[in-house]
Amino acid sequence: MAEPRTRRPARPREEVFATARAAIAEHGLAKLTMAGLGKQLQMSAGHLLYYFGSKDQLLLETLRWSEEQLGERRRAVLADRGTTVRQRLAAYGALYLPEGPGDPRWVLWLEVWGRSPASAEIRQGQLEIEAPWQADLVALLEEGVAGGEFGLGSTGVAERAVQLRALLDGLAVPVAIGLPGADRATAEAQLDSVARALLRD
């Protein structure tokens, strides 16, 4: 009688997401196949599709996982009352911006943005993933206004937070794709300069 086949245990979701993030960052979603990813994880493509349904859903869930990892660091930085609100705003910006060209987290964002126009599911997921960044920034600006560090004039806090995040996105993309002359230090300096104008020292 043949020995029963032993089933390989499913890989932890953390390992799946970490491997997917690295593969997408290296090759892009278009070149990623479920079979290739499954081979790296010693899982079948069918098993991956069972859990994620599609490459778009895998991309979205990998980005969500990636942002949750960073969210823990962001919350710790923003909770540090040993620093000024302006210092915490600079730290927020430093976490938001890419580490440099090809930053895996930012490659995921670029993939998501590229697929959003054709997918309501991706657009909704994107909004959900962005929401904690917006909420944390609004809370930080409210603290700065209440403490007299920031002045917003007639502009609402939520609107100013949207403007600052749009600025961060605009500064981040050239760094993430490696445009000549775009680097993290310059982006951080530009953020500080514009934030001072927007928040009216």
N, C-alpha and C. Protein backbone atom coordinates (compact mmCIF):
# COMPACT_ATOMS: atom_id res chain seq x y z
N MET A 1 0.84 -1.19 0.00
CA MET A 1 0.00 0.00 0.00
C MET A 1 0.89 1.25 0.00
N ALA A 2 0.52 2.21 -0.84
CA ALA A 2 1.35 3.42 -0.96
C ALA A 2 1.23 4.26 0.30
N GLU A 3 2.34 4.89 0.64
CA GLU A 3 2.35 5.80 1.79
C GLU A 3 1.49 7.02 1.46
N PRO A 4 0.68 7.50 2.41
CA PRO A 4 -0.11 8.70 2.14
C PRO A 4 0.81 9.90 1.95
N ARG A 5 0.45 10.75 1.00
CA ARG A 5 1.27 11.93 0.74
C ARG A 5 1.11 12.93 1.88
N THR A 6 2.23 13.43 2.32
CA THR A 6 2.16 14.45 3.37
C THR A 6 1.95 15.79 2.72
N ARG A 7 1.03 16.55 3.26
CA ARG A 7 0.73 17.87 2.72
C ARG A 7 1.66 18.90 3.33
N ARG A 8 2.21 19.72 2.46
CA ARG A 8 3.06 20.80 2.93
C ARG A 8 2.20 21.82 3.66
N PRO A 9 2.60 22.23 4.85
CA PRO A 9 1.79 23.24 5.54
C PRO A 9 1.79 24.56 4.77
N ALA A 10 0.66 25.25 4.86
CA ALA A 10 0.54 26.55 4.19
C ALA A 10 1.56 27.52 4.77
N ARG A 11 2.12 28.35 3.91
CA ARG A 11 3.07 29.36 4.37
C ARG A 11 2.33 30.42 5.17
N PRO A 12 2.96 30.94 6.21
CA PRO A 12 2.33 32.05 6.94
C PRO A 12 2.08 33.21 6.00
N ARG A 13 0.97 33.92 6.22
CA ARG A 13 0.61 35.04 5.35
C ARG A 13 1.73 36.09 5.31
N GLU A 14 2.42 36.28 6.44
CA GLU A 14 3.52 37.25 6.47
C GLU A 14 4.58 36.89 5.43
N GLU A 15 4.88 35.60 5.32
CA GLU A 15 5.90 35.17 4.37
C GLU A 15 5.40 35.35 2.94
N VAL A 16 4.13 35.07 2.71
CA VAL A 16 3.56 35.26 1.38
C VAL A 16 3.65 36.73 0.98
N PHE A 17 3.24 37.62 1.89
CA PHE A 17 3.25 39.04 1.58
C PHE A 17 4.66 39.57 1.37
N ALA A 18 5.59 39.15 2.22
CA ALA A 18 6.97 39.62 2.09
C ALA A 18 7.58 39.16 0.76
N THR A 19 7.31 37.92 0.38
CA THR A 19 7.83 37.39 -0.88
C THR A 19 7.17 38.09 -2.06
N ALA A 20 5.85 38.32 -1.96
CA ALA A 20 5.15 39.01 -3.05
C ALA A 20 5.66 40.43 -3.20
N ARG A 21 5.87 41.13 -2.09
CA ARG A 21 6.36 42.51 -2.17
C ARG A 21 7.72 42.55 -2.86
N ALA A 22 8.61 41.64 -2.49
CA ALA A 22 9.93 41.61 -3.11
C ALA A 22 9.85 41.29 -4.60
N ALA A 23 8.97 40.34 -4.96
CA ALA A 23 8.85 39.94 -6.36
C ALA A 23 8.25 41.06 -7.20
N ILE A 24 7.22 41.74 -6.67
CA ILE A 24 6.60 42.84 -7.41
C ILE A 24 7.59 44.00 -7.57
N ALA A 25 8.35 44.27 -6.50
CA ALA A 25 9.33 45.35 -6.57
C ALA A 25 10.41 45.06 -7.60
N GLU A 26 10.78 43.80 -7.73
CA GLU A 26 11.86 43.44 -8.66
C GLU A 26 11.38 43.36 -10.10
N HIS A 27 10.19 42.79 -10.31
CA HIS A 27 9.75 42.51 -11.68
C HIS A 27 8.52 43.29 -12.13
N GLY A 28 7.78 43.88 -11.19
CA GLY A 28 6.50 44.51 -11.54
C GLY A 28 5.40 43.48 -11.56
N LEU A 29 4.18 43.95 -11.36
CA LEU A 29 3.05 43.03 -11.28
C LEU A 29 2.79 42.34 -12.61
N ALA A 30 3.02 43.04 -13.72
CA ALA A 30 2.73 42.47 -15.04
C ALA A 30 3.55 41.20 -15.30
N LYS A 31 4.78 41.17 -14.80
CA LYS A 31 5.64 40.01 -15.05
C LYS A 31 5.53 38.95 -13.96
N LEU A 32 4.82 39.28 -12.90
CA LEU A 32 4.65 38.31 -11.81
C LEU A 32 3.58 37.30 -12.18
N THR A 33 3.88 36.03 -12.06
CA THR A 33 2.87 35.00 -12.26
C THR A 33 2.60 34.30 -10.93
N MET A 34 1.38 33.84 -10.78
CA MET A 34 1.06 33.10 -9.56
C MET A 34 1.89 31.82 -9.49
N ALA A 35 2.16 31.23 -10.65
CA ALA A 35 2.98 30.01 -10.67
C ALA A 35 4.40 30.30 -10.19
N GLY A 36 4.96 31.43 -10.67
CA GLY A 36 6.31 31.80 -10.25
C GLY A 36 6.39 32.14 -8.79
N LEU A 37 5.39 32.88 -8.30
CA LEU A 37 5.37 33.22 -6.88
C LEU A 37 5.17 31.96 -6.04
N GLY A 38 4.28 31.09 -6.51
CA GLY A 38 4.05 29.83 -5.80
C GLY A 38 5.31 28.99 -5.71
N LYS A 39 6.10 29.00 -6.78
CA LYS A 39 7.35 28.23 -6.79
C LYS A 39 8.31 28.76 -5.72
N GLN A 40 8.40 30.10 -5.60
CA GLN A 40 9.26 30.68 -4.56
C GLN A 40 8.81 30.28 -3.16
N LEU A 41 7.50 30.17 -3.01
CA LEU A 41 6.93 29.88 -1.68
C LEU A 41 6.72 28.38 -1.46
N GLN A 42 7.02 27.57 -2.49
CA GLN A 42 6.74 26.13 -2.46
C GLN A 42 5.25 25.88 -2.21
N MET A 43 4.44 26.64 -2.93
CA MET A 43 2.99 26.51 -2.90
C MET A 43 2.50 26.43 -4.34
N SER A 44 1.30 25.91 -4.52
CA SER A 44 0.75 25.87 -5.87
C SER A 44 0.10 27.20 -6.21
N ALA A 45 0.06 27.51 -7.51
CA ALA A 45 -0.63 28.71 -7.95
C ALA A 45 -2.10 28.66 -7.55
N GLY A 46 -2.68 27.46 -7.60
CA GLY A 46 -4.07 27.29 -7.20
C GLY A 46 -4.30 27.66 -5.75
N HIS A 47 -3.34 27.31 -4.92
CA HIS A 47 -3.44 27.64 -3.49
C HIS A 47 -3.43 29.16 -3.30
N LEU A 48 -2.55 29.84 -4.01
CA LEU A 48 -2.49 31.30 -3.91
C LEU A 48 -3.79 31.94 -4.41
N LEU A 49 -4.29 31.42 -5.53
CA LEU A 49 -5.53 31.97 -6.08
C LEU A 49 -6.71 31.70 -5.16
N TYR A 50 -6.67 30.59 -4.45
CA TYR A 50 -7.74 30.28 -3.50
C TYR A 50 -7.82 31.36 -2.43
N TYR A 51 -6.66 31.81 -1.95
CA TYR A 51 -6.62 32.81 -0.88
C TYR A 51 -6.82 34.24 -1.40
N PHE A 52 -6.32 34.54 -2.61
CA PHE A 52 -6.33 35.92 -3.06
C PHE A 52 -7.27 36.19 -4.24
N GLY A 53 -7.63 35.18 -4.97
CA GLY A 53 -8.59 35.35 -6.05
C GLY A 53 -8.01 35.88 -7.35
N SER A 54 -7.10 36.83 -7.26
CA SER A 54 -6.52 37.42 -8.47
C SER A 54 -5.22 38.12 -8.11
N LYS A 55 -4.46 38.48 -9.14
CA LYS A 55 -3.23 39.23 -8.90
C LYS A 55 -3.53 40.61 -8.33
N ASP A 56 -4.62 41.22 -8.78
CA ASP A 56 -5.00 42.52 -8.24
C ASP A 56 -5.25 42.44 -6.74
N GLN A 57 -5.95 41.39 -6.32
CA GLN A 57 -6.24 41.25 -4.90
C GLN A 57 -4.96 40.95 -4.11
N LEU A 58 -4.07 40.17 -4.70
CA LEU A 58 -2.78 39.90 -4.06
C LEU A 58 -2.01 41.21 -3.89
N LEU A 59 -2.00 42.04 -4.94
CA LEU A 59 -1.32 43.34 -4.87
C LEU A 59 -1.90 44.19 -3.74
N LEU A 60 -3.22 44.26 -3.69
CA LEU A 60 -3.89 45.09 -2.70
C LEU A 60 -3.60 44.60 -1.28
N GLU A 61 -3.69 43.30 -1.08
CA GLU A 61 -3.46 42.75 0.26
C GLU A 61 -1.99 42.87 0.66
N THR A 62 -1.09 42.76 -0.31
CA THR A 62 0.34 42.93 -0.01
C THR A 62 0.62 44.38 0.39
N LEU A 63 0.01 45.32 -0.33
CA LEU A 63 0.17 46.73 0.04
C LEU A 63 -0.42 47.01 1.41
N ARG A 64 -1.59 46.44 1.68
CA ARG A 64 -2.22 46.64 2.99
C ARG A 64 -1.31 46.13 4.11
N TRP A 65 -0.73 44.94 3.90
CA TRP A 65 0.20 44.37 4.89
C TRP A 65 1.42 45.27 5.05
N SER A 66 1.98 45.74 3.94
CA SER A 66 3.16 46.60 3.97
C SER A 66 2.88 47.87 4.76
N GLU A 67 1.72 48.48 4.51
CA GLU A 67 1.37 49.72 5.20
C GLU A 67 1.08 49.49 6.68
N GLU A 68 0.56 48.32 7.02
CA GLU A 68 0.33 48.01 8.44
C GLU A 68 1.65 47.93 9.20
N GLN A 69 2.69 47.38 8.55
CA GLN A 69 4.00 47.33 9.19
C GLN A 69 4.50 48.74 9.48
N LEU A 70 4.38 49.61 8.49
CA LEU A 70 4.84 50.98 8.65
C LEU A 70 3.94 51.76 9.60
N GLY A 71 2.65 51.39 9.64
CA GLY A 71 1.71 52.07 10.53
C GLY A 71 2.12 51.98 11.99
N GLU A 72 2.68 50.86 12.37
CA GLU A 72 3.14 50.70 13.76
C GLU A 72 4.23 51.72 14.07
N ARG A 73 5.16 51.90 13.15
CA ARG A 73 6.23 52.88 13.36
C ARG A 73 5.68 54.30 13.37
N ARG A 74 4.73 54.57 12.47
CA ARG A 74 4.15 55.91 12.40
C ARG A 74 3.44 56.27 13.70
N ARG A 75 2.66 55.35 14.22
CA ARG A 75 1.93 55.61 15.47
C ARG A 75 2.89 55.85 16.63
N ALA A 76 4.00 55.11 16.66
CA ALA A 76 4.99 55.30 17.73
C ALA A 76 5.63 56.68 17.64
N VAL A 77 5.97 57.10 16.43
CA VAL A 77 6.59 58.42 16.22
C VAL A 77 5.62 59.53 16.63
N LEU A 78 4.37 59.41 16.23
CA LEU A 78 3.39 60.46 16.50
C LEU A 78 2.99 60.51 17.97
N ALA A 79 3.20 59.42 18.68
CA ALA A 79 2.85 59.39 20.10
C ALA A 79 3.97 59.93 20.99
N ASP A 80 5.12 60.25 20.41
CA ASP A 80 6.28 60.72 21.19
C ASP A 80 6.09 62.17 21.62
N ARG A 81 5.63 62.36 22.82
CA ARG A 81 5.38 63.72 23.32
C ARG A 81 6.66 64.42 23.78
N GLY A 82 7.79 63.75 23.63
CA GLY A 82 9.07 64.38 23.94
C GLY A 82 9.58 65.23 22.79
N THR A 83 8.83 65.27 21.69
CA THR A 83 9.21 66.07 20.54
C THR A 83 8.11 67.09 20.23
N THR A 84 8.47 68.13 19.50
CA THR A 84 7.47 69.13 19.12
C THR A 84 6.58 68.56 18.01
N VAL A 85 5.46 69.22 17.79
CA VAL A 85 4.57 68.79 16.71
C VAL A 85 5.27 68.93 15.36
N ARG A 86 6.04 70.00 15.19
CA ARG A 86 6.76 70.17 13.92
C ARG A 86 7.78 69.05 13.71
N GLN A 87 8.46 68.63 14.77
CA GLN A 87 9.41 67.52 14.65
C GLN A 87 8.68 66.23 14.29
N ARG A 88 7.50 66.04 14.87
CA ARG A 88 6.73 64.84 14.54
C ARG A 88 6.20 64.90 13.11
N LEU A 89 5.89 66.11 12.64
CA LEU A 89 5.47 66.25 11.24
C LEU A 89 6.62 65.88 10.31
N ALA A 90 7.83 66.30 10.64
CA ALA A 90 9.00 65.94 9.83
C ALA A 90 9.21 64.43 9.85
N ALA A 91 9.01 63.80 11.02
CA ALA A 91 9.18 62.35 11.13
C ALA A 91 8.10 61.62 10.33
N TYR A 92 6.89 62.15 10.34
CA TYR A 92 5.79 61.60 9.53
C TYR A 92 6.20 61.62 8.06
N GLY A 93 6.72 62.78 7.62
CA GLY A 93 7.15 62.90 6.23
C GLY A 93 8.27 61.94 5.88
N ALA A 94 9.20 61.76 6.80
CA ALA A 94 10.31 60.84 6.56
C ALA A 94 9.83 59.41 6.39
N LEU A 95 8.81 59.02 7.15
CA LEU A 95 8.24 57.68 7.01
C LEU A 95 7.46 57.55 5.71
N TYR A 96 6.81 58.61 5.31
CA TYR A 96 5.97 58.60 4.10
C TYR A 96 6.82 58.45 2.84
N LEU A 97 7.93 59.16 2.80
CA LEU A 97 8.76 59.20 1.58
C LEU A 97 9.49 57.87 1.34
N PRO A 98 9.82 57.57 0.07
CA PRO A 98 10.58 56.35 -0.22
C PRO A 98 11.99 56.42 0.36
N GLU A 99 12.54 55.25 0.64
CA GLU A 99 13.93 55.18 1.08
C GLU A 99 14.87 55.57 -0.05
N GLY A 100 14.45 55.32 -1.27
CA GLY A 100 15.26 55.63 -2.45
C GLY A 100 14.64 54.98 -3.67
N PRO A 101 15.34 55.01 -4.81
CA PRO A 101 14.79 54.40 -6.03
C PRO A 101 14.46 52.93 -5.83
N GLY A 102 13.29 52.53 -6.32
CA GLY A 102 12.90 51.12 -6.24
C GLY A 102 12.42 50.67 -4.87
N ASP A 103 12.16 51.60 -3.97
CA ASP A 103 11.65 51.24 -2.65
C ASP A 103 10.45 50.30 -2.83
N PRO A 104 10.51 49.06 -2.29
CA PRO A 104 9.44 48.08 -2.54
C PRO A 104 8.04 48.58 -2.18
N ARG A 105 7.93 49.30 -1.08
CA ARG A 105 6.62 49.82 -0.68
C ARG A 105 6.08 50.78 -1.73
N TRP A 106 6.95 51.63 -2.25
CA TRP A 106 6.50 52.60 -3.23
C TRP A 106 6.26 51.98 -4.59
N VAL A 107 6.97 50.91 -4.92
CA VAL A 107 6.66 50.19 -6.16
C VAL A 107 5.25 49.62 -6.08
N LEU A 108 4.87 49.12 -4.91
CA LEU A 108 3.49 48.64 -4.73
C LEU A 108 2.49 49.77 -4.96
N TRP A 109 2.76 50.94 -4.38
CA TRP A 109 1.85 52.07 -4.57
C TRP A 109 1.74 52.45 -6.05
N LEU A 110 2.84 52.49 -6.75
CA LEU A 110 2.81 52.83 -8.17
C LEU A 110 1.99 51.82 -8.97
N GLU A 111 2.12 50.55 -8.61
CA GLU A 111 1.33 49.50 -9.26
C GLU A 111 -0.16 49.70 -8.97
N VAL A 112 -0.49 50.00 -7.72
CA VAL A 112 -1.89 50.20 -7.35
C VAL A 112 -2.47 51.41 -8.09
N TRP A 113 -1.75 52.51 -8.10
CA TRP A 113 -2.24 53.71 -8.81
C TRP A 113 -2.44 53.42 -10.29
N GLY A 114 -1.53 52.65 -10.87
CA GLY A 114 -1.65 52.34 -12.29
C GLY A 114 -2.86 51.48 -12.61
N ARG A 115 -3.30 50.66 -11.67
CA ARG A 115 -4.42 49.77 -11.91
C ARG A 115 -5.75 50.33 -11.41
N SER A 116 -5.69 51.39 -10.63
CA SER A 116 -6.92 51.95 -10.05
C SER A 116 -7.96 52.40 -11.07
N PRO A 117 -7.58 53.06 -12.18
CA PRO A 117 -8.61 53.53 -13.11
C PRO A 117 -9.52 52.43 -13.63
N ALA A 118 -9.02 51.20 -13.73
CA ALA A 118 -9.80 50.11 -14.30
C ALA A 118 -10.47 49.22 -13.26
N SER A 119 -10.29 49.53 -11.98
CA SER A 119 -10.80 48.62 -10.95
C SER A 119 -11.39 49.37 -9.77
N ALA A 120 -12.70 49.26 -9.59
CA ALA A 120 -13.35 49.88 -8.44
C ALA A 120 -12.85 49.24 -7.15
N GLU A 121 -12.55 47.95 -7.19
CA GLU A 121 -12.05 47.24 -6.02
C GLU A 121 -10.70 47.82 -5.58
N ILE A 122 -9.82 48.06 -6.54
CA ILE A 122 -8.52 48.63 -6.23
C ILE A 122 -8.68 50.05 -5.69
N ARG A 123 -9.56 50.83 -6.30
CA ARG A 123 -9.78 52.21 -5.84
C ARG A 123 -10.28 52.24 -4.40
N GLN A 124 -11.23 51.36 -4.09
CA GLN A 124 -11.76 51.31 -2.73
C GLN A 124 -10.70 50.87 -1.74
N GLY A 125 -9.93 49.85 -2.12
CA GLY A 125 -8.85 49.39 -1.25
C GLY A 125 -7.82 50.46 -1.01
N GLN A 126 -7.50 51.21 -2.07
CA GLN A 126 -6.54 52.30 -1.95
C GLN A 126 -7.02 53.34 -0.93
N LEU A 127 -8.29 53.72 -1.01
CA LEU A 127 -8.84 54.69 -0.07
C LEU A 127 -8.74 54.18 1.37
N GLU A 128 -9.04 52.91 1.56
CA GLU A 128 -8.99 52.32 2.91
C GLU A 128 -7.57 52.31 3.45
N ILE A 129 -6.60 52.03 2.59
CA ILE A 129 -5.20 51.96 3.03
C ILE A 129 -4.66 53.36 3.33
N GLU A 130 -5.11 54.35 2.56
CA GLU A 130 -4.64 55.73 2.77
C GLU A 130 -5.28 56.38 3.99
N ALA A 131 -6.46 55.92 4.39
CA ALA A 131 -7.23 56.60 5.44
C ALA A 131 -6.45 56.80 6.75
N PRO A 132 -5.71 55.80 7.27
CA PRO A 132 -4.97 56.03 8.52
C PRO A 132 -3.90 57.12 8.40
N TRP A 133 -3.26 57.25 7.23
CA TRP A 133 -2.29 58.32 7.04
C TRP A 133 -2.97 59.67 7.16
N GLN A 134 -4.14 59.80 6.54
CA GLN A 134 -4.87 61.05 6.59
C GLN A 134 -5.34 61.35 8.02
N ALA A 135 -5.91 60.35 8.69
CA ALA A 135 -6.43 60.56 10.04
C ALA A 135 -5.32 60.96 11.00
N ASP A 136 -4.17 60.30 10.90
CA ASP A 136 -3.06 60.63 11.79
C ASP A 136 -2.52 62.03 11.53
N LEU A 137 -2.49 62.43 10.26
CA LEU A 137 -1.99 63.77 9.93
C LEU A 137 -2.98 64.84 10.42
N VAL A 138 -4.27 64.60 10.25
CA VAL A 138 -5.28 65.54 10.75
C VAL A 138 -5.12 65.71 12.26
N ALA A 139 -4.98 64.60 12.98
CA ALA A 139 -4.83 64.68 14.44
C ALA A 139 -3.57 65.46 14.83
N LEU A 140 -2.49 65.27 14.09
CA LEU A 140 -1.24 65.97 14.37
C LEU A 140 -1.40 67.47 14.12
N LEU A 141 -2.03 67.83 13.02
CA LEU A 141 -2.23 69.25 12.72
C LEU A 141 -3.16 69.90 13.74
N GLU A 142 -4.18 69.18 14.15
CA GLU A 142 -5.09 69.72 15.18
C GLU A 142 -4.33 70.00 16.47
N GLU A 143 -3.40 69.09 16.82
CA GLU A 143 -2.60 69.30 18.02
C GLU A 143 -1.70 70.53 17.85
N GLY A 144 -1.14 70.69 16.66
CA GLY A 144 -0.28 71.84 16.40
C GLY A 144 -1.03 73.15 16.45
N VAL A 145 -2.25 73.17 15.93
CA VAL A 145 -3.07 74.38 15.98
C VAL A 145 -3.47 74.69 17.42
N ALA A 146 -3.90 73.67 18.15
CA ALA A 146 -4.33 73.87 19.54
C ALA A 146 -3.19 74.38 20.41
N GLY A 147 -1.96 73.94 20.13
CA GLY A 147 -0.81 74.35 20.91
C GLY A 147 -0.14 75.62 20.41
N GLY A 148 -0.66 76.19 19.34
CA GLY A 148 -0.11 77.43 18.82
C GLY A 148 1.10 77.27 17.92
N GLU A 149 1.48 76.01 17.58
CA GLU A 149 2.64 75.81 16.69
C GLU A 149 2.27 76.08 15.24
N PHE A 150 1.02 75.82 14.87
CA PHE A 150 0.58 76.00 13.50
C PHE A 150 -0.57 77.00 13.46
N GLY A 151 -0.66 77.71 12.35
CA GLY A 151 -1.81 78.54 12.08
C GLY A 151 -2.31 78.23 10.68
N LEU A 152 -3.60 78.04 10.52
CA LEU A 152 -4.13 77.62 9.23
C LEU A 152 -5.00 78.68 8.55
N GLY A 153 -5.23 79.81 9.20
CA GLY A 153 -6.11 80.80 8.60
C GLY A 153 -7.51 80.24 8.43
N SER A 154 -8.08 80.45 7.25
CA SER A 154 -9.45 79.99 7.00
C SER A 154 -9.50 78.56 6.47
N THR A 155 -8.34 77.98 6.21
CA THR A 155 -8.31 76.61 5.67
C THR A 155 -8.54 75.61 6.78
N GLY A 156 -9.38 74.62 6.52
CA GLY A 156 -9.63 73.57 7.51
C GLY A 156 -8.45 72.63 7.64
N VAL A 157 -8.38 71.98 8.80
CA VAL A 157 -7.28 71.05 9.06
C VAL A 157 -7.29 69.88 8.08
N ALA A 158 -8.47 69.32 7.83
CA ALA A 158 -8.55 68.16 6.92
C ALA A 158 -8.09 68.54 5.52
N GLU A 159 -8.48 69.74 5.06
CA GLU A 159 -8.06 70.19 3.73
C GLU A 159 -6.55 70.38 3.67
N ARG A 160 -5.97 70.96 4.72
CA ARG A 160 -4.52 71.16 4.75
C ARG A 160 -3.79 69.81 4.77
N ALA A 161 -4.35 68.85 5.48
CA ALA A 161 -3.74 67.51 5.51
C ALA A 161 -3.75 66.88 4.12
N VAL A 162 -4.84 67.04 3.39
CA VAL A 162 -4.91 66.53 2.02
C VAL A 162 -3.83 67.19 1.15
N GLN A 163 -3.67 68.50 1.31
CA GLN A 163 -2.66 69.22 0.54
C GLN A 163 -1.25 68.74 0.86
N LEU A 164 -0.97 68.52 2.13
CA LEU A 164 0.36 68.04 2.53
C LEU A 164 0.63 66.64 2.00
N ARG A 165 -0.40 65.79 2.02
CA ARG A 165 -0.20 64.44 1.49
C ARG A 165 -0.03 64.45 -0.03
N ALA A 166 -0.73 65.36 -0.70
CA ALA A 166 -0.53 65.50 -2.15
C ALA A 166 0.89 65.96 -2.44
N LEU A 167 1.39 66.88 -1.62
CA LEU A 167 2.78 67.32 -1.75
C LEU A 167 3.73 66.14 -1.56
N LEU A 168 3.49 65.35 -0.51
CA LEU A 168 4.35 64.20 -0.25
C LEU A 168 4.33 63.21 -1.41
N ASP A 169 3.14 62.94 -1.97
CA ASP A 169 3.06 62.03 -3.12
C ASP A 169 3.86 62.58 -4.29
N GLY A 170 3.73 63.89 -4.53
CA GLY A 170 4.46 64.51 -5.64
C GLY A 170 5.96 64.48 -5.45
N LEU A 171 6.41 64.60 -4.21
CA LEU A 171 7.85 64.53 -3.92
C LEU A 171 8.34 63.08 -3.97
N ALA A 172 7.47 62.14 -3.59
CA ALA A 172 7.88 60.74 -3.46
C ALA A 172 8.09 60.05 -4.80
N VAL A 173 7.20 60.30 -5.75
CA VAL A 173 7.26 59.54 -7.01
C VAL A 173 8.59 59.69 -7.73
N PRO A 174 9.12 60.92 -7.94
CA PRO A 174 10.42 61.02 -8.61
C PRO A 174 11.54 60.29 -7.88
N VAL A 175 11.49 60.29 -6.55
CA VAL A 175 12.50 59.56 -5.77
C VAL A 175 12.34 58.06 -6.00
N ALA A 176 11.10 57.58 -5.94
CA ALA A 176 10.83 56.14 -6.06
C ALA A 176 11.24 55.59 -7.42
N ILE A 177 11.05 56.40 -8.48
CA ILE A 177 11.38 55.90 -9.81
C ILE A 177 12.80 56.26 -10.24
N GLY A 178 13.51 57.00 -9.37
CA GLY A 178 14.92 57.27 -9.62
C GLY A 178 15.18 58.35 -10.65
N LEU A 179 14.32 59.37 -10.71
CA LEU A 179 14.58 60.46 -11.64
C LEU A 179 15.87 61.20 -11.24
N PRO A 180 16.69 61.56 -12.21
CA PRO A 180 17.91 62.31 -11.88
C PRO A 180 17.58 63.60 -11.13
N GLY A 181 18.34 63.87 -10.10
CA GLY A 181 18.14 65.07 -9.30
C GLY A 181 17.13 64.92 -8.19
N ALA A 182 16.40 63.81 -8.18
CA ALA A 182 15.42 63.57 -7.12
C ALA A 182 16.04 62.66 -6.07
N ASP A 183 16.07 63.13 -4.83
CA ASP A 183 16.59 62.29 -3.76
C ASP A 183 15.82 62.59 -2.48
N ARG A 184 15.96 61.71 -1.55
CA ARG A 184 15.19 61.78 -0.31
C ARG A 184 15.50 63.04 0.50
N ALA A 185 16.77 63.40 0.61
CA ALA A 185 17.15 64.57 1.42
C ALA A 185 16.53 65.85 0.84
N THR A 186 16.56 65.97 -0.48
CA THR A 186 15.96 67.14 -1.12
C THR A 186 14.46 67.16 -0.90
N ALA A 187 13.83 65.99 -1.01
CA ALA A 187 12.38 65.91 -0.79
C ALA A 187 12.02 66.32 0.62
N GLU A 188 12.79 65.89 1.59
CA GLU A 188 12.52 66.26 2.99
C GLU A 188 12.68 67.77 3.19
N ALA A 189 13.69 68.36 2.57
CA ALA A 189 13.90 69.81 2.68
C ALA A 189 12.75 70.57 2.03
N GLN A 190 12.29 70.09 0.88
CA GLN A 190 11.18 70.74 0.19
C GLN A 190 9.90 70.62 1.01
N LEU A 191 9.69 69.47 1.61
CA LEU A 191 8.52 69.30 2.47
C LEU A 191 8.54 70.31 3.61
N ASP A 192 9.67 70.46 4.26
CA ASP A 192 9.78 71.39 5.38
C ASP A 192 9.49 72.82 4.93
N SER A 193 10.05 73.21 3.77
CA SER A 193 9.86 74.56 3.27
C SER A 193 8.39 74.85 2.96
N VAL A 194 7.74 73.94 2.25
CA VAL A 194 6.34 74.15 1.87
C VAL A 194 5.43 74.04 3.09
N ALA A 195 5.73 73.11 3.99
CA ALA A 195 4.90 72.95 5.19
C ALA A 195 4.93 74.21 6.03
N ARG A 196 6.08 74.85 6.12
CA ARG A 196 6.17 76.09 6.89
C ARG A 196 5.27 77.18 6.29
N ALA A 197 5.23 77.22 4.95
CA ALA A 197 4.37 78.21 4.30
C ALA A 197 2.89 77.87 4.49
N LEU A 198 2.56 76.59 4.34
CA LEU A 198 1.16 76.18 4.47
C LEU A 198 0.65 76.28 5.90
N LEU A 199 1.56 76.07 6.86
CA LEU A 199 1.15 76.08 8.26
C LEU A 199 1.47 77.40 8.93
N ARG A 200 1.91 78.36 8.19
CA ARG A 200 2.06 79.76 8.59
C ARG A 200 2.72 79.93 9.96
N ASP A 201 4.02 79.73 9.96
CA ASP A 201 4.80 79.98 11.20
C ASP A 201 4.55 81.40 11.70
